[in-house]
Amino acid sequence: MNDPGAHRWRLAAWLVLAYAVAALISMLIARQPGSIASIWFANAIGVAALANRPRADWPLLLAAAGIANLGANLLQGDTLLLAASFVPPNLLEIVLGAWGLQRARLPERGLRSAPALATLLVVGGLLPQAVSATLGTALLAPQGLDAIEGVWLRWYEGGVIGAMSVLPLAFLVCRDGAASVAVGRDDAWLVVLLPLAVGVSLLALAQLPFPFIYLTLPLLLGVFVLSYPALLALTLAVSLTVALALGTGVFVPPPRLAAWQTIYVYLAYAAALVPPQLLAAAQADLRDAQQRLEARSQQLRRANDGLEQFVRIASHDLREPLNTVVQFGSLIEQDEAQHLSEPGRRYLGLMLQSTRRMRTLLDDVLQYVRMQRGEPPPTQAVALGPLLDEVLLALAASIRERGADVHVAPLPAVRGNPALLSLLFQNLLSNALKFVPPERTPQVRVSAGLEGGLAWISVADNGIGIAAADQDKLFQPFRRLNLRRHYDGTGLGLALARQIAEAHGGTIELESEPDRGACFSVRLPLA
């Protein structure tokens, strides 16, 4: 069983060790005697540690950071008074940074997006340093250090660069654990890019004008071939290389006329480090979104498979009793009709009509669910003329019953699935025959046109028409604009028609006015 108290003490011990090592590295490579470190990496570790812990742990962790800071300065040879003067401003910077990050809810949000990383760098690595630099100046300037050049400006510049180098990686470690930043097989490129980045940095700083431009190149390459944590580690390595070059004199900044002009060097330094990190965060966010989309797609595929299986089973199990009802109802209608009263025959006819409609509805629902899968159907060249002949043959009874006048113009061949296209035009022609007032003879015209490798197939009628406000509703499943007792149907025909057209990479459009008929135009790819 884990002991929370023991865990806090272990965390404090690790913080003492990590902070002290980072502080000593900063002092060894970037501190001149009688001065302060020009680049300070340690406070970012403290900010990351506190930001990812409850505030009840802060006093212990701050004590650990204070001990590490005091010890590192004493080891560097500072007097006790000078070493102690560094502790309050550094602890203040850590507290302000951690408080700001918690207020921004970064421990909950994480860093895998450019806005989150930008918030981390501004709130934890840009603003607190101004306060700590001011307090550090007040404490150190009376001890002989120049207030502007020796303390405030150097403190602020070094704190900002140190935070931009260390804080993102330290935050990931403290939030998700060291295992989250372990280099895996996917980061094999790090073996190549790490020495390349260090070598390019040293060569550019020692020999080339505008060296910070070249520092960015290996980092930008790493954005596209490394994981997010590996890119942050590569950024830290480049920053350490630059700090070492500055501390050892490999890189000598250009001559300056005023102390504040050192900010130009540090701005270029930051400009080399920050954009690749932001780009890597955006890349990580994109990868996460792709993974979520793939997971969601798999869930939808499983749900669609389950739905189709359920509908298929339900359709089969329901069709069996419906077939029995239709079979025996038809026998009663044929053999016993003369023994039934007029209301009995009417009720029997209504029962058979409703049963057949239920059977048709089951078939339509099953077909609609299959179309919802979104998988492209197998296609071939389909001659629409013969296909329409077969459709009209299937609708011959309705055509004879209504005395309809159906005219089909010559039609092209398209690329599609014959069975689905047959269902598409059967639904359109069935509606064209159905939605016509009883006193009017249905007139249906099927025509075609060609446009840019596409065929437009239009089915026009002289039916009741549809108001513009209601036209979008027609393509929604089970949406009906007319009472069933006036016009029979399942409410799925046009929804299926749209699904089939879109599955072929086409569209279906409607032009209509009330009582002036409707014209459905289907766009399909030519064969």
Protein backbone atom coordinates (compact mmCIF):
# COMPACT_ATOMS: atom_id res chain seq x y z
CA MET A 1 0.00 0.00 0.00
CA ASN A 2 1.45 3.40 -1.02
CA ASP A 3 2.08 5.89 1.76
CA PRO A 4 1.20 9.45 0.57
CA GLY A 5 3.63 10.96 3.08
CA ALA A 6 6.51 8.80 1.89
CA HIS A 7 5.65 9.66 -1.70
CA ARG A 8 5.86 13.39 -0.95
CA TRP A 9 9.27 12.96 0.66
CA ARG A 10 10.54 10.93 -2.30
CA LEU A 11 9.30 13.64 -4.65
CA ALA A 12 11.03 16.30 -2.53
CA ALA A 13 14.29 14.33 -2.64
CA TRP A 14 14.10 14.01 -6.42
CA LEU A 15 13.42 17.75 -6.68
CA VAL A 16 16.49 18.56 -4.56
CA LEU A 17 18.63 16.39 -6.83
CA ALA A 18 17.19 17.60 -10.16
CA TYR A 19 17.16 21.28 -9.14
CA ALA A 20 20.71 21.15 -7.79
CA VAL A 21 22.07 19.45 -10.91
CA ALA A 22 20.31 21.95 -13.21
CA ALA A 23 21.53 24.86 -11.08
CA LEU A 24 25.14 23.64 -11.09
CA ILE A 25 25.04 23.08 -14.87
CA SER A 26 23.75 26.64 -15.32
CA MET A 27 26.50 28.03 -13.12
CA LEU A 28 29.31 25.98 -14.61
CA ILE A 29 28.56 26.82 -18.24
CA ALA A 30 27.12 30.32 -17.99
CA ARG A 31 28.26 32.15 -14.85
CA GLN A 32 31.15 34.54 -14.53
CA PRO A 33 32.76 35.31 -11.15
CA GLY A 34 31.01 38.10 -9.30
CA SER A 35 27.97 37.75 -11.51
CA ILE A 36 24.89 35.56 -11.94
CA ALA A 37 24.20 32.74 -14.40
CA SER A 38 23.34 34.16 -17.80
CA ILE A 39 21.05 31.18 -18.51
CA TRP A 40 19.15 29.57 -15.62
CA PHE A 41 17.58 26.13 -16.17
CA ALA A 42 16.73 25.14 -12.59
CA ASN A 43 13.57 27.12 -11.80
CA ALA A 44 11.63 25.51 -14.65
CA ILE A 45 11.96 22.15 -12.86
CA GLY A 46 10.52 23.65 -9.68
CA VAL A 47 7.64 25.28 -11.56
CA ALA A 48 6.76 22.00 -13.27
CA ALA A 49 6.93 20.04 -10.02
CA LEU A 50 4.69 22.40 -8.05
CA ALA A 51 2.19 22.93 -10.87
CA ASN A 52 1.43 19.21 -11.00
CA ARG A 53 1.03 18.72 -7.26
CA PRO A 54 -1.70 19.80 -4.82
CA ARG A 55 -0.92 22.97 -2.93
CA ALA A 56 -0.69 21.07 0.33
CA ASP A 57 2.61 19.67 -1.01
CA TRP A 58 4.02 23.05 -1.95
CA PRO A 59 5.71 23.97 1.35
CA LEU A 60 7.78 20.76 1.33
CA LEU A 61 8.67 21.11 -2.35
CA LEU A 62 9.58 24.79 -1.94
CA ALA A 63 11.82 23.88 0.98
CA ALA A 64 13.49 21.27 -1.24
CA ALA A 65 14.05 23.82 -4.02
CA GLY A 66 15.36 26.39 -1.54
CA ILE A 67 17.85 23.92 -0.07
CA ALA A 68 19.02 22.93 -3.55
CA ASN A 69 19.41 26.57 -4.60
CA LEU A 70 21.34 27.51 -1.46
CA GLY A 71 23.56 24.43 -1.70
CA ALA A 72 24.38 24.96 -5.38
CA ASN A 73 25.41 28.57 -4.80
CA LEU A 74 27.55 27.61 -1.79
CA LEU A 75 29.26 24.91 -3.86
CA GLN A 76 29.95 27.54 -6.49
CA GLY A 77 31.92 29.49 -3.89
CA ASP A 78 29.46 32.22 -2.90
CA THR A 79 29.38 33.58 0.62
CA LEU A 80 26.47 32.48 2.78
CA LEU A 81 24.88 35.94 2.53
CA LEU A 82 25.15 36.04 -1.26
CA ALA A 83 23.95 32.44 -1.61
CA ALA A 84 20.98 33.10 0.69
CA SER A 85 20.08 36.24 -1.30
CA PHE A 86 19.37 34.08 -4.36
CA VAL A 87 16.81 31.88 -2.59
CA PRO A 88 13.76 34.19 -2.09
CA PRO A 89 13.53 35.50 -5.69
CA ASN A 90 13.92 32.02 -7.15
CA LEU A 91 11.26 30.57 -4.87
CA LEU A 92 8.94 33.47 -5.70
CA GLU A 93 9.40 32.76 -9.40
CA ILE A 94 8.56 29.08 -8.86
CA VAL A 95 5.43 29.90 -6.84
CA LEU A 96 4.14 32.46 -9.35
CA GLY A 97 4.77 30.16 -12.30
CA ALA A 98 3.12 27.13 -10.69
CA TRP A 99 0.14 29.19 -9.49
CA GLY A 100 -0.38 30.64 -12.96
CA LEU A 101 -0.22 27.23 -14.63
CA GLN A 102 -2.76 25.79 -12.22
CA ARG A 103 -5.02 28.78 -12.79
CA ALA A 104 -4.74 28.09 -16.53
CA ARG A 105 -5.65 24.41 -15.79
CA LEU A 106 -2.67 23.16 -17.74
CA PRO A 107 -2.21 20.06 -15.55
CA GLU A 108 -5.69 18.98 -16.72
CA ARG A 109 -5.33 20.17 -20.32
CA GLY A 110 -1.83 18.86 -21.02
CA LEU A 111 0.59 20.30 -23.57
CA ARG A 112 -0.39 18.50 -26.77
CA SER A 113 -1.59 21.61 -28.56
CA ALA A 114 0.05 24.85 -29.65
CA PRO A 115 -2.24 27.10 -27.50
CA ALA A 116 -1.51 25.01 -24.40
CA LEU A 117 2.25 25.15 -24.97
CA ALA A 118 2.11 28.88 -25.65
CA THR A 119 0.22 29.33 -22.36
CA LEU A 120 2.88 27.32 -20.55
CA LEU A 121 5.72 29.42 -21.94
CA VAL A 122 4.04 32.76 -21.24
CA VAL A 123 2.52 32.01 -17.83
CA GLY A 124 5.34 29.84 -16.52
CA GLY A 125 8.34 31.08 -18.45
CA LEU A 126 7.90 34.75 -19.27
CA LEU A 127 5.87 36.62 -16.64
CA PRO A 128 7.18 35.29 -13.27
CA GLN A 129 10.77 36.04 -14.26
CA ALA A 130 10.06 39.77 -14.36
CA VAL A 131 8.94 39.69 -10.72
CA SER A 132 11.80 37.50 -9.54
CA ALA A 133 14.34 39.63 -11.43
CA THR A 134 13.03 42.73 -9.66
CA LEU A 135 13.27 41.12 -6.24
CA GLY A 136 16.69 39.67 -7.08
CA THR A 137 17.92 43.11 -8.08
CA ALA A 138 16.74 44.57 -4.78
CA LEU A 139 18.60 41.89 -2.81
CA LEU A 140 21.79 41.58 -4.87
CA ALA A 141 22.53 45.12 -6.06
CA PRO A 142 23.54 46.32 -2.54
CA GLN A 143 26.20 43.57 -2.57
CA GLY A 144 28.08 45.19 -5.44
CA LEU A 145 26.36 43.79 -8.53
CA ASP A 146 25.24 46.27 -11.19
CA ALA A 147 21.47 46.63 -10.88
CA ILE A 148 20.62 46.71 -14.58
CA GLU A 149 23.29 44.87 -16.53
CA GLY A 150 24.56 42.66 -13.71
CA VAL A 151 21.26 41.54 -12.20
CA TRP A 152 17.87 42.49 -13.62
CA LEU A 153 18.47 42.13 -17.35
CA ARG A 154 20.71 39.07 -17.03
CA TRP A 155 18.32 37.44 -14.54
CA TYR A 156 15.29 38.02 -16.73
CA GLU A 157 16.91 36.95 -20.00
CA GLY A 158 18.50 33.88 -18.46
CA GLY A 159 15.31 32.85 -16.66
CA VAL A 160 13.20 33.15 -19.78
CA ILE A 161 15.61 31.16 -21.96
CA GLY A 162 16.02 28.51 -19.27
CA ALA A 163 12.24 28.12 -18.95
CA MET A 164 11.72 27.89 -22.71
CA SER A 165 14.39 25.20 -22.85
CA VAL A 166 13.41 23.04 -19.86
CA LEU A 167 9.82 23.81 -18.81
CA PRO A 168 7.90 21.89 -21.53
CA LEU A 169 9.89 18.68 -21.04
CA ALA A 170 9.90 19.00 -17.23
CA PHE A 171 6.16 19.62 -17.23
CA LEU A 172 5.54 16.42 -19.25
CA VAL A 173 7.72 14.39 -16.87
CA CYS A 174 6.01 15.77 -13.74
CA ARG A 175 2.52 15.41 -15.20
CA ASP A 176 2.71 12.01 -16.95
CA GLY A 177 5.77 10.36 -15.42
CA ALA A 178 9.22 9.65 -16.79
CA ALA A 179 7.88 6.74 -18.87
CA SER A 180 5.87 9.18 -20.98
CA VAL A 181 9.05 10.76 -22.36
CA ALA A 182 11.07 7.58 -22.76
CA VAL A 183 12.64 7.31 -26.21
CA GLY A 184 11.18 4.39 -28.15
CA ARG A 185 11.69 2.72 -31.48
CA ASP A 186 9.69 5.47 -33.18
CA ASP A 187 12.41 7.95 -32.17
CA ALA A 188 15.32 6.23 -33.92
CA TRP A 189 15.88 9.49 -35.79
CA LEU A 190 16.97 11.04 -32.49
CA VAL A 191 20.25 9.10 -32.73
CA VAL A 192 20.95 10.96 -35.98
CA LEU A 193 19.47 14.34 -35.16
CA LEU A 194 21.06 14.79 -31.73
CA PRO A 195 24.71 14.89 -32.89
CA LEU A 196 23.62 16.70 -36.04
CA ALA A 197 21.87 19.42 -34.04
CA VAL A 198 24.81 19.83 -31.64
CA GLY A 199 27.30 19.95 -34.50
CA VAL A 200 25.26 22.43 -36.54
CA SER A 201 24.81 24.62 -33.46
CA LEU A 202 28.53 24.73 -32.67
CA LEU A 203 29.53 25.32 -36.28
CA ALA A 204 26.96 28.07 -36.78
CA LEU A 205 27.79 29.82 -33.52
CA ALA A 206 31.54 29.68 -34.18
CA GLN A 207 31.72 30.38 -37.91
CA LEU A 208 28.50 31.64 -39.51
CA PRO A 209 26.72 35.00 -39.51
CA PHE A 210 23.18 35.00 -38.09
CA PRO A 211 23.86 31.62 -36.42
CA PHE A 212 20.49 31.19 -34.70
CA ILE A 213 18.80 30.69 -38.06
CA TYR A 214 20.77 27.47 -38.57
CA LEU A 215 19.97 26.18 -35.09
CA THR A 216 16.32 25.91 -36.08
CA LEU A 217 16.89 23.59 -39.07
CA PRO A 218 17.53 20.30 -37.19
CA LEU A 219 14.66 21.14 -34.84
CA LEU A 220 12.24 21.70 -37.71
CA LEU A 221 13.28 18.38 -39.22
CA GLY A 222 12.71 16.74 -35.84
CA VAL A 223 9.14 18.05 -35.74
CA PHE A 224 8.21 15.70 -38.57
CA VAL A 225 10.22 12.59 -37.62
CA LEU A 226 10.26 12.60 -33.80
CA SER A 227 7.65 12.18 -31.11
CA TYR A 228 6.66 15.28 -29.16
CA PRO A 229 8.76 14.44 -26.04
CA ALA A 230 11.78 13.54 -28.18
CA LEU A 231 11.57 16.91 -29.96
CA LEU A 232 11.47 18.68 -26.58
CA ALA A 233 14.57 16.74 -25.51
CA LEU A 234 16.33 17.71 -28.74
CA THR A 235 15.41 21.36 -28.09
CA LEU A 236 16.96 21.15 -24.62
CA ALA A 237 20.15 19.69 -26.09
CA VAL A 238 20.41 22.57 -28.57
CA SER A 239 19.83 25.10 -25.80
CA LEU A 240 22.52 23.53 -23.62
CA THR A 241 24.90 23.69 -26.58
CA VAL A 242 24.19 27.40 -27.08
CA ALA A 243 24.64 28.08 -23.35
CA LEU A 244 27.95 26.23 -23.38
CA ALA A 245 29.09 28.18 -26.45
CA LEU A 246 28.20 31.45 -24.74
CA GLY A 247 29.92 30.46 -21.48
CA THR A 248 33.14 29.21 -23.07
CA GLY A 249 33.52 31.97 -25.62
CA VAL A 250 32.91 29.78 -28.68
CA PHE A 251 30.14 32.21 -29.54
CA VAL A 252 30.93 35.89 -28.99
CA PRO A 253 27.90 38.15 -29.37
CA PRO A 254 28.26 41.20 -31.62
CA PRO A 255 29.58 44.41 -30.05
CA ARG A 256 26.91 46.46 -28.33
CA LEU A 257 26.63 50.10 -27.40
CA ALA A 258 24.30 49.65 -24.43
CA ALA A 259 23.70 46.91 -21.85
CA TRP A 260 20.08 46.41 -22.85
CA GLN A 261 21.11 45.45 -26.40
CA THR A 262 21.95 41.93 -25.19
CA ILE A 263 18.23 41.36 -25.50
CA TYR A 264 18.71 41.04 -29.28
CA VAL A 265 20.85 37.95 -28.78
CA TYR A 266 18.34 36.38 -26.42
CA LEU A 267 15.43 37.19 -28.72
CA ALA A 268 17.20 35.34 -31.53
CA TYR A 269 17.95 32.52 -29.07
CA ALA A 270 14.26 32.24 -28.14
CA ALA A 271 13.19 32.50 -31.78
CA ALA A 272 15.31 29.44 -32.55
CA LEU A 273 13.80 27.36 -29.72
CA VAL A 274 10.10 28.26 -29.51
CA PRO A 275 8.66 27.87 -33.05
CA PRO A 276 9.73 24.20 -33.43
CA GLN A 277 8.19 23.40 -30.04
CA LEU A 278 4.92 25.09 -30.99
CA LEU A 279 4.89 23.29 -34.33
CA ALA A 280 5.56 19.97 -32.59
CA ALA A 281 2.68 20.64 -30.18
CA ALA A 282 0.36 21.36 -33.09
CA GLN A 283 1.59 18.18 -34.78
CA ALA A 284 0.90 16.18 -31.62
CA ASP A 285 -2.57 17.67 -31.40
CA LEU A 286 -3.21 16.67 -35.02
CA ARG A 287 -2.00 13.12 -34.37
CA ASP A 288 -4.23 12.86 -31.31
CA ALA A 289 -7.20 14.10 -33.32
CA GLN A 290 -6.47 11.52 -36.04
CA GLN A 291 -6.29 8.76 -33.46
CA ARG A 292 -9.56 9.88 -31.89
CA LEU A 293 -11.14 10.01 -35.34
CA GLU A 294 -9.89 6.53 -36.19
CA ALA A 295 -11.15 5.18 -32.86
CA ARG A 296 -14.50 6.86 -33.42
CA SER A 297 -14.67 5.46 -36.96
CA GLN A 298 -14.03 1.97 -35.64
CA GLN A 299 -16.76 2.42 -33.05
CA LEU A 300 -19.16 3.59 -35.74
CA ARG A 301 -18.25 0.66 -37.97
CA ARG A 302 -18.89 -1.76 -35.12
CA ALA A 303 -22.16 -0.01 -34.30
CA ASN A 304 -23.24 -0.10 -37.95
CA ASP A 305 -22.32 -3.77 -38.22
CA GLY A 306 -24.31 -4.52 -35.10
CA LEU A 307 -27.23 -2.43 -36.31
CA GLU A 308 -27.25 -4.13 -39.70
CA GLN A 309 -27.10 -7.55 -38.08
CA PHE A 310 -29.92 -6.62 -35.72
CA VAL A 311 -32.06 -5.26 -38.53
CA ARG A 312 -31.36 -8.32 -40.68
CA ILE A 313 -32.36 -10.67 -37.86
CA ALA A 314 -35.37 -8.56 -36.93
CA SER A 315 -36.38 -8.32 -40.58
CA HIS A 316 -36.16 -12.08 -40.99
CA ASP A 317 -37.97 -12.87 -37.74
CA LEU A 318 -40.71 -10.31 -38.40
CA ARG A 319 -41.14 -11.21 -42.06
CA GLU A 320 -42.04 -14.82 -41.21
CA PRO A 321 -45.22 -14.00 -39.24
CA LEU A 322 -46.06 -11.25 -41.73
CA ASN A 323 -45.83 -13.73 -44.59
CA THR A 324 -48.11 -16.05 -42.66
CA VAL A 325 -50.63 -13.26 -42.13
CA VAL A 326 -50.52 -12.30 -45.82
CA GLN A 327 -50.80 -15.91 -46.95
CA PHE A 328 -53.81 -16.81 -44.81
CA GLY A 329 -55.39 -13.39 -45.30
CA SER A 330 -55.16 -13.86 -49.08
CA LEU A 331 -56.74 -17.30 -48.76
CA ILE A 332 -59.60 -15.85 -46.75
CA GLU A 333 -59.98 -13.07 -49.31
CA GLN A 334 -60.13 -15.60 -52.18
CA ASP A 335 -62.21 -18.39 -50.63
CA GLU A 336 -64.32 -16.82 -47.92
CA ALA A 337 -64.96 -13.31 -49.17
CA GLN A 338 -68.57 -14.15 -50.15
CA HIS A 339 -69.29 -15.18 -46.56
CA LEU A 340 -68.01 -11.91 -45.13
CA SER A 341 -70.00 -8.74 -44.66
CA GLU A 342 -69.00 -5.58 -46.49
CA PRO A 343 -67.27 -4.14 -43.38
CA GLY A 344 -65.49 -7.50 -42.89
CA ARG A 345 -64.12 -7.47 -46.43
CA ARG A 346 -62.99 -3.87 -45.98
CA TYR A 347 -61.26 -4.67 -42.69
CA LEU A 348 -59.57 -7.67 -44.27
CA GLY A 349 -58.33 -5.53 -47.16
CA LEU A 350 -56.96 -2.93 -44.76
CA MET A 351 -55.21 -5.65 -42.77
CA LEU A 352 -53.56 -7.12 -45.87
CA GLN A 353 -52.58 -3.64 -47.09
CA SER A 354 -50.95 -2.77 -43.76
CA THR A 355 -49.17 -6.14 -43.60
CA ARG A 356 -47.72 -5.73 -47.09
CA ARG A 357 -46.63 -2.20 -46.21
CA MET A 358 -44.90 -3.53 -43.09
CA ARG A 359 -43.05 -6.09 -45.20
CA THR A 360 -41.96 -3.37 -47.63
CA LEU A 361 -40.88 -1.19 -44.71
CA LEU A 362 -38.67 -3.97 -43.34
CA ASP A 363 -36.99 -4.35 -46.72
CA ASP A 364 -36.45 -0.59 -46.99
CA VAL A 365 -35.05 -0.31 -43.47
CA LEU A 366 -32.59 -3.13 -44.13
CA GLN A 367 -31.45 -1.51 -47.38
CA TYR A 368 -31.16 1.91 -45.71
CA VAL A 369 -28.99 0.52 -42.91
CA ARG A 370 -26.73 -1.14 -45.46
CA MET A 371 -26.36 2.15 -47.31
CA GLN A 372 -25.54 3.95 -44.04
CA ARG A 373 -22.32 1.94 -43.79
CA GLY A 374 -20.82 4.34 -46.31
CA GLU A 375 -18.82 1.66 -48.08
CA PRO A 376 -18.55 2.32 -51.84
CA PRO A 377 -20.57 -0.25 -53.80
CA PRO A 378 -18.90 -2.32 -56.54
CA THR A 379 -19.46 -0.51 -59.82
CA GLN A 380 -19.50 -1.28 -63.52
CA ALA A 381 -20.70 0.29 -66.72
CA VAL A 382 -24.52 0.36 -66.55
CA ALA A 383 -26.70 1.15 -69.58
CA LEU A 384 -29.56 3.15 -68.09
CA GLY A 385 -31.95 2.49 -70.99
CA PRO A 386 -32.35 -1.25 -70.37
CA LEU A 387 -32.25 -0.67 -66.63
CA LEU A 388 -35.20 1.76 -66.85
CA ASP A 389 -37.09 -0.78 -68.98
CA GLU A 390 -36.77 -3.32 -66.17
CA VAL A 391 -37.88 -0.75 -63.60
CA LEU A 392 -40.95 0.17 -65.65
CA LEU A 393 -41.78 -3.52 -66.03
CA ALA A 394 -41.73 -3.88 -62.26
CA LEU A 395 -44.08 -0.86 -62.01
CA ALA A 396 -46.34 -2.02 -64.85
CA ALA A 397 -49.28 -2.74 -62.52
CA SER A 398 -49.20 0.78 -61.08
CA ILE A 399 -48.84 2.30 -64.55
CA ARG A 400 -51.85 0.36 -65.85
CA GLU A 401 -53.93 1.11 -62.76
CA ARG A 402 -53.42 4.87 -63.10
CA GLY A 403 -53.35 4.92 -66.92
CA ALA A 404 -50.07 6.82 -66.64
CA ASP A 405 -48.23 8.32 -69.58
CA VAL A 406 -44.54 7.52 -69.12
CA HIS A 407 -41.96 8.74 -71.63
CA VAL A 408 -38.28 7.80 -71.39
CA ALA A 409 -35.76 9.64 -73.58
CA PRO A 410 -32.53 7.95 -74.72
CA LEU A 411 -30.29 7.54 -71.68
CA PRO A 412 -26.49 7.25 -71.43
CA ALA A 413 -24.39 4.60 -69.73
CA VAL A 414 -23.09 5.48 -66.28
CA ARG A 415 -20.63 4.03 -63.79
CA GLY A 416 -22.55 2.45 -60.96
CA ASN A 417 -24.04 -0.54 -59.21
CA PRO A 418 -26.95 -1.98 -61.22
CA ALA A 419 -28.99 -3.16 -58.22
CA LEU A 420 -28.68 0.14 -56.36
CA LEU A 421 -29.38 2.26 -59.45
CA SER A 422 -32.47 0.12 -60.13
CA LEU A 423 -33.67 0.80 -56.58
CA LEU A 424 -32.91 4.52 -56.98
CA PHE A 425 -34.99 4.97 -60.15
CA GLN A 426 -37.72 2.64 -58.92
CA ASN A 427 -38.20 4.91 -55.90
CA LEU A 428 -38.23 8.08 -58.06
CA LEU A 429 -40.65 6.64 -60.64
CA SER A 430 -42.88 5.13 -57.97
CA ASN A 431 -43.18 8.54 -56.30
CA ALA A 432 -43.85 10.20 -59.67
CA LEU A 433 -46.79 7.81 -60.21
CA LYS A 434 -48.02 7.92 -56.64
CA PHE A 435 -48.11 11.60 -55.70
CA VAL A 436 -50.62 12.65 -58.34
CA PRO A 437 -54.19 13.68 -57.47
CA PRO A 438 -56.73 10.89 -58.21
CA GLU A 439 -58.55 13.00 -60.80
CA ARG A 440 -55.34 13.66 -62.77
CA THR A 441 -53.63 11.26 -65.21
CA PRO A 442 -49.96 10.84 -64.20
CA GLN A 443 -47.46 12.10 -66.77
CA VAL A 444 -43.84 11.13 -66.16
CA ARG A 445 -40.89 12.27 -68.27
CA VAL A 446 -37.39 10.81 -67.92
CA SER A 447 -34.65 12.77 -69.71
CA ALA A 448 -30.88 13.01 -69.63
CA GLY A 449 -28.10 15.53 -70.18
CA LEU A 450 -24.30 15.46 -70.15
CA GLU A 451 -21.98 17.88 -68.37
CA GLY A 452 -18.25 17.53 -67.72
CA GLY A 453 -18.04 13.75 -67.47
CA LEU A 454 -21.32 13.52 -65.58
CA ALA A 455 -24.82 12.52 -66.57
CA TRP A 456 -27.91 14.33 -65.35
CA ILE A 457 -30.97 12.06 -65.23
CA SER A 458 -34.21 13.95 -64.58
CA VAL A 459 -37.52 12.41 -63.54
CA ALA A 460 -40.34 14.97 -63.89
CA ASP A 461 -44.03 14.50 -63.04
CA ASN A 462 -47.26 16.49 -62.92
CA GLY A 463 -48.08 15.64 -59.35
CA ILE A 464 -48.94 17.60 -56.24
CA GLY A 465 -45.51 19.25 -55.98
CA ILE A 466 -43.65 20.29 -52.86
CA ALA A 467 -43.30 23.71 -51.25
CA ALA A 468 -39.77 25.10 -51.08
CA ALA A 469 -39.81 25.13 -47.26
CA ASP A 470 -40.55 21.38 -47.17
CA GLN A 471 -38.13 20.13 -49.80
CA ASP A 472 -35.22 19.37 -47.46
CA LYS A 473 -37.51 17.30 -45.24
CA LEU A 474 -38.23 14.89 -48.08
CA PHE A 475 -34.76 13.35 -47.96
CA GLN A 476 -34.89 12.65 -44.21
CA PRO A 477 -35.79 9.08 -43.24
CA PHE A 478 -39.40 8.50 -42.15
CA ARG A 479 -40.38 12.12 -42.82
CA ARG A 480 -43.76 12.34 -44.53
CA LEU A 481 -45.48 15.48 -45.82
CA ASN A 482 -48.80 13.81 -46.55
CA LEU A 483 -51.10 11.56 -44.59
CA ARG A 484 -50.71 7.84 -45.22
CA ARG A 485 -54.41 7.46 -45.97
CA HIS A 486 -53.93 9.80 -48.93
CA TYR A 487 -50.57 8.55 -50.23
CA ASP A 488 -49.11 5.23 -49.11
CA GLY A 489 -45.39 4.69 -48.44
CA THR A 490 -42.71 4.01 -45.83
CA GLY A 491 -41.01 7.42 -45.78
CA LEU A 492 -37.64 5.93 -46.74
CA GLY A 493 -37.73 6.06 -50.55
CA LEU A 494 -36.11 9.45 -51.08
CA ALA A 495 -33.69 8.99 -48.17
CA LEU A 496 -32.52 5.82 -49.90
CA ALA A 497 -32.33 7.62 -53.23
CA ARG A 498 -30.02 10.27 -51.79
CA GLN A 499 -27.85 7.65 -50.08
CA ILE A 500 -27.49 5.72 -53.34
CA ALA A 501 -26.64 8.84 -55.36
CA GLU A 502 -24.02 9.97 -52.84
CA ALA A 503 -22.55 6.45 -52.64
CA HIS A 504 -21.87 6.75 -56.38
CA GLY A 505 -20.17 10.11 -55.93
CA GLY A 506 -23.23 11.93 -57.28
CA THR A 507 -26.02 14.14 -56.03
CA ILE A 508 -29.78 14.43 -56.24
CA GLU A 509 -31.62 17.74 -56.53
CA LEU A 510 -35.25 18.76 -56.55
CA GLU A 511 -37.15 21.51 -58.34
CA SER A 512 -40.82 21.79 -57.49
CA GLU A 513 -43.76 24.08 -56.75
CA PRO A 514 -47.06 23.14 -55.10
CA ASP A 515 -49.54 21.60 -57.57
CA ARG A 516 -47.09 22.03 -60.47
CA GLY A 517 -45.27 18.75 -60.24
CA ALA A 518 -41.71 17.90 -59.24
CA CYS A 519 -38.47 17.23 -61.08
CA PHE A 520 -35.78 15.11 -59.40
CA SER A 521 -32.36 15.36 -61.06
CA VAL A 522 -29.70 12.76 -60.31
CA ARG A 523 -26.06 13.39 -61.19
CA LEU A 524 -23.99 10.25 -61.86
CA PRO A 525 -20.51 9.65 -63.31
CA LEU A 526 -20.44 8.60 -66.95
CA ALA A 527 -19.07 5.15 -67.79
